[in-house]
């Protein structure tokens, strides 16, 4: 069940702005690009990906696909690393929980950079 409410308000210049509110219970499609530290051993790399999948499912989401791009050179140094292991994760999650996911990724020592994109 999706409930939508429409609110029309006046902006700075008197132009009507329309905002659309979608019920928070709906799962949306997300794509997460990760750069994992090259110092992470292969066993710990797999454990990191498993922990990420468990984190998403514990937040009420569902992982669709995990694509490992392998070790690649970074365009510029990030946290003193010139290489990183790239991973692309596609999943569904409630919009309200995306900030919590990003906060936990930011704290993680294995993840040196991430980008979360809402697809739908």
C-alpha atoms as a PDB file:
ATOM      1  CA  UNK A   1       0.000   0.000   0.000  1.00  0.00           C
ATOM      2  CA  UNK A   2       1.500   3.293  -1.076  1.00  0.00           C
ATOM      3  CA  UNK A   3       0.087   6.496   0.267  1.00  0.00           C
ATOM      4  CA  UNK A   4       1.033   9.728  -1.392  1.00  0.00           C
ATOM      5  CA  UNK A   5       0.421  13.247  -0.224  1.00  0.00           C
ATOM      6  CA  UNK A   6       1.033  16.340  -2.291  1.00  0.00           C
ATOM      7  CA  UNK A   7       2.002  19.669  -0.789  1.00  0.00           C
ATOM      8  CA  UNK A   8       2.225  22.882  -2.788  1.00  0.00           C
ATOM      9  CA  UNK A   9       4.205  25.754  -1.297  1.00  0.00           C
ATOM     10  CA  UNK A  10       5.650  29.010  -2.539  1.00  0.00           C
ATOM     11  CA  UNK A  11       9.425  29.191  -3.076  1.00  0.00           C
ATOM     12  CA  UNK A  12      11.709  32.227  -2.730  1.00  0.00           C
ATOM     13  CA  UNK A  13      10.462  33.816  -5.921  1.00  0.00           C
ATOM     14  CA  UNK A  14       6.804  32.977  -5.498  1.00  0.00           C
ATOM     15  CA  UNK A  15       6.977  29.934  -7.782  1.00  0.00           C
ATOM     16  CA  UNK A  16       4.853  27.021  -6.673  1.00  0.00           C
ATOM     17  CA  UNK A  17       6.907  24.006  -5.623  1.00  0.00           C
ATOM     18  CA  UNK A  18       5.451  20.539  -5.418  1.00  0.00           C
ATOM     19  CA  UNK A  19       6.762  17.907  -3.032  1.00  0.00           C
ATOM     20  CA  UNK A  20       5.715  14.292  -3.078  1.00  0.00           C
ATOM     21  CA  UNK A  21       5.902  12.145   0.017  1.00  0.00           C
ATOM     22  CA  UNK A  22       6.142   8.356  -0.377  1.00  0.00           C
ATOM     23  CA  UNK A  23       5.328   6.028   2.468  1.00  0.00           C
ATOM     24  CA  UNK A  24       8.488   4.860   4.266  1.00  0.00           C
ATOM     25  CA  UNK A  25       7.546   1.163   4.163  1.00  0.00           C
ATOM     26  CA  UNK A  26       8.328   0.861   0.454  1.00  0.00           C
ATOM     27  CA  UNK A  27      11.637  -0.793  -0.493  1.00  0.00           C
ATOM     28  CA  UNK A  28      13.625   1.144  -3.098  1.00  0.00           C
ATOM     29  CA  UNK A  29      16.416  -0.046  -5.392  1.00  0.00           C
ATOM     30  CA  UNK A  30      19.939   1.066  -4.454  1.00  0.00           C
ATOM     31  CA  UNK A  31      23.393   0.589  -5.916  1.00  0.00           C
ATOM     32  CA  UNK A  32      26.459   0.735  -3.677  1.00  0.00           C
ATOM     33  CA  UNK A  33      29.964   1.129  -5.096  1.00  0.00           C
ATOM     34  CA  UNK A  34      32.703   0.263  -2.601  1.00  0.00           C
ATOM     35  CA  UNK A  35      36.464   0.607  -2.626  1.00  0.00           C
ATOM     36  CA  UNK A  36      37.924  -1.813  -0.108  1.00  0.00           C
ATOM     37  CA  UNK A  37      41.481  -1.473   1.174  1.00  0.00           C
ATOM     38  CA  UNK A  38      44.094  -3.442  -0.812  1.00  0.00           C
ATOM     39  CA  UNK A  39      45.673  -4.535   2.484  1.00  0.00           C
ATOM     40  CA  UNK A  40      42.636  -6.702   3.324  1.00  0.00           C
ATOM     41  CA  UNK A  41      43.458 -10.415   2.940  1.00  0.00           C
ATOM     42  CA  UNK A  42      41.254 -12.528   0.646  1.00  0.00           C
ATOM     43  CA  UNK A  43      39.595 -14.347   3.572  1.00  0.00           C
ATOM     44  CA  UNK A  44      38.835 -11.071   5.322  1.00  0.00           C
ATOM     45  CA  UNK A  45      37.655  -9.571   1.999  1.00  0.00           C
ATOM     46  CA  UNK A  46      35.024 -12.319   1.654  1.00  0.00           C
ATOM     47  CA  UNK A  47      34.074 -11.858   5.319  1.00  0.00           C
ATOM     48  CA  UNK A  48      33.684  -8.108   4.735  1.00  0.00           C
ATOM     49  CA  UNK A  49      31.288  -8.751   1.839  1.00  0.00           C
ATOM     50  CA  UNK A  50      29.327 -11.267   3.940  1.00  0.00           C
ATOM     51  CA  UNK A  51      29.101  -8.748   6.801  1.00  0.00           C
ATOM     52  CA  UNK A  52      27.831  -6.122   4.372  1.00  0.00           C
ATOM     53  CA  UNK A  53      25.135  -8.497   3.115  1.00  0.00           C
ATOM     54  CA  UNK A  54      24.138  -9.335   6.687  1.00  0.00           C
ATOM     55  CA  UNK A  55      24.001  -5.622   7.557  1.00  0.00           C
ATOM     56  CA  UNK A  56      21.655  -4.901   4.634  1.00  0.00           C
ATOM     57  CA  UNK A  57      19.378  -7.838   5.490  1.00  0.00           C
ATOM     58  CA  UNK A  58      19.364  -6.912   9.199  1.00  0.00           C
ATOM     59  CA  UNK A  59      18.119  -3.445   8.196  1.00  0.00           C
ATOM     60  CA  UNK A  60      15.203  -5.083   6.362  1.00  0.00           C
ATOM     61  CA  UNK A  61      16.713  -5.004   2.879  1.00  0.00           C
ATOM     62  CA  UNK A  62      17.481  -7.672   0.292  1.00  0.00           C
ATOM     63  CA  UNK A  63      20.724  -8.013  -1.701  1.00  0.00           C
ATOM     64  CA  UNK A  64      20.103  -8.654  -5.417  1.00  0.00           C
ATOM     65  CA  UNK A  65      23.612  -8.861  -6.851  1.00  0.00           C
ATOM     66  CA  UNK A  66      27.252  -8.491  -5.798  1.00  0.00           C
ATOM     67  CA  UNK A  67      29.818  -7.837  -8.544  1.00  0.00           C
ATOM     68  CA  UNK A  68      33.529  -7.854  -7.743  1.00  0.00           C
ATOM     69  CA  UNK A  69      35.555  -5.734 -10.157  1.00  0.00           C
ATOM     70  CA  UNK A  70      38.887  -6.687  -8.601  1.00  0.00           C
ATOM     71  CA  UNK A  71      41.911  -4.604  -7.661  1.00  0.00           C
ATOM     72  CA  UNK A  72      42.307  -1.392  -9.663  1.00  0.00           C
ATOM     73  CA  UNK A  73      44.422   1.710  -9.503  1.00  0.00           C
ATOM     74  CA  UNK A  74      42.748   4.770  -7.987  1.00  0.00           C
ATOM     75  CA  UNK A  75      42.687   8.075  -9.875  1.00  0.00           C
ATOM     76  CA  UNK A  76      44.164   9.799  -6.813  1.00  0.00           C
ATOM     77  CA  UNK A  77      45.375   8.591  -3.401  1.00  0.00           C
ATOM     78  CA  UNK A  78      42.609   7.886  -0.894  1.00  0.00           C
ATOM     79  CA  UNK A  79      43.705   7.444   2.742  1.00  0.00           C
ATOM     80  CA  UNK A  80      47.282   6.924   1.457  1.00  0.00           C
ATOM     81  CA  UNK A  81      46.250   4.060  -0.870  1.00  0.00           C
ATOM     82  CA  UNK A  82      46.865   4.126  -4.619  1.00  0.00           C
ATOM     83  CA  UNK A  83      44.927   0.880  -5.304  1.00  0.00           C
ATOM     84  CA  UNK A  84      41.666  -0.583  -4.092  1.00  0.00           C
ATOM     85  CA  UNK A  85      39.353  -3.561  -4.516  1.00  0.00           C
ATOM     86  CA  UNK A  86      36.165  -2.410  -6.257  1.00  0.00           C
ATOM     87  CA  UNK A  87      32.794  -3.996  -5.468  1.00  0.00           C
ATOM     88  CA  UNK A  88      29.330  -3.115  -6.790  1.00  0.00           C
ATOM     89  CA  UNK A  89      26.293  -4.178  -4.719  1.00  0.00           C
ATOM     90  CA  UNK A  90      22.681  -3.891  -5.874  1.00  0.00           C
ATOM     91  CA  UNK A  91      19.974  -4.207  -3.223  1.00  0.00           C
ATOM     92  CA  UNK A  92      16.578  -3.035  -1.965  1.00  0.00           C
ATOM     93  CA  UNK A  93      16.203  -1.031   1.246  1.00  0.00           C
ATOM     94  CA  UNK A  94      13.819   1.324   3.008  1.00  0.00           C
ATOM     95  CA  UNK A  95      14.808   4.951   2.339  1.00  0.00           C
ATOM     96  CA  UNK A  96      14.892   5.874   6.020  1.00  0.00           C
ATOM     97  CA  UNK A  97      17.606   3.267   6.696  1.00  0.00           C
ATOM     98  CA  UNK A  98      20.043   4.376   3.991  1.00  0.00           C
ATOM     99  CA  UNK A  99      21.666   6.920   6.333  1.00  0.00           C
ATOM    100  CA  UNK A 100      22.289   4.240   8.941  1.00  0.00           C
ATOM    101  CA  UNK A 101      23.939   2.047   6.299  1.00  0.00           C
ATOM    102  CA  UNK A 102      26.172   4.915   5.166  1.00  0.00           C
ATOM    103  CA  UNK A 103      27.137   5.712   8.767  1.00  0.00           C
ATOM    104  CA  UNK A 104      28.252   2.115   9.337  1.00  0.00           C
ATOM    105  CA  UNK A 105      30.215   2.088   6.070  1.00  0.00           C
ATOM    106  CA  UNK A 106      31.928   5.336   7.056  1.00  0.00           C
ATOM    107  CA  UNK A 107      33.075   3.762  10.336  1.00  0.00           C
ATOM    108  CA  UNK A 108      34.373   0.581   8.685  1.00  0.00           C
ATOM    109  CA  UNK A 109      38.167   0.361   8.466  1.00  0.00           C
ATOM    110  CA  UNK A 110      38.098  -1.953   5.433  1.00  0.00           C
ATOM    111  CA  UNK A 111      36.020   0.420   3.269  1.00  0.00           C
ATOM    112  CA  UNK A 112      38.134   3.367   2.126  1.00  0.00           C
ATOM    113  CA  UNK A 113      35.456   4.955  -0.092  1.00  0.00           C
ATOM    114  CA  UNK A 114      31.800   4.288  -0.900  1.00  0.00           C
ATOM    115  CA  UNK A 115      29.008   5.763  -3.006  1.00  0.00           C
ATOM    116  CA  UNK A 116      25.339   4.946  -2.411  1.00  0.00           C
ATOM    117  CA  UNK A 117      22.939   5.716  -5.276  1.00  0.00           C
ATOM    118  CA  UNK A 118      19.148   5.393  -5.238  1.00  0.00           C
ATOM    119  CA  UNK A 119      18.023   3.883  -8.545  1.00  0.00           C
ATOM    120  CA  UNK A 120      14.250   4.183  -8.167  1.00  0.00           C
END
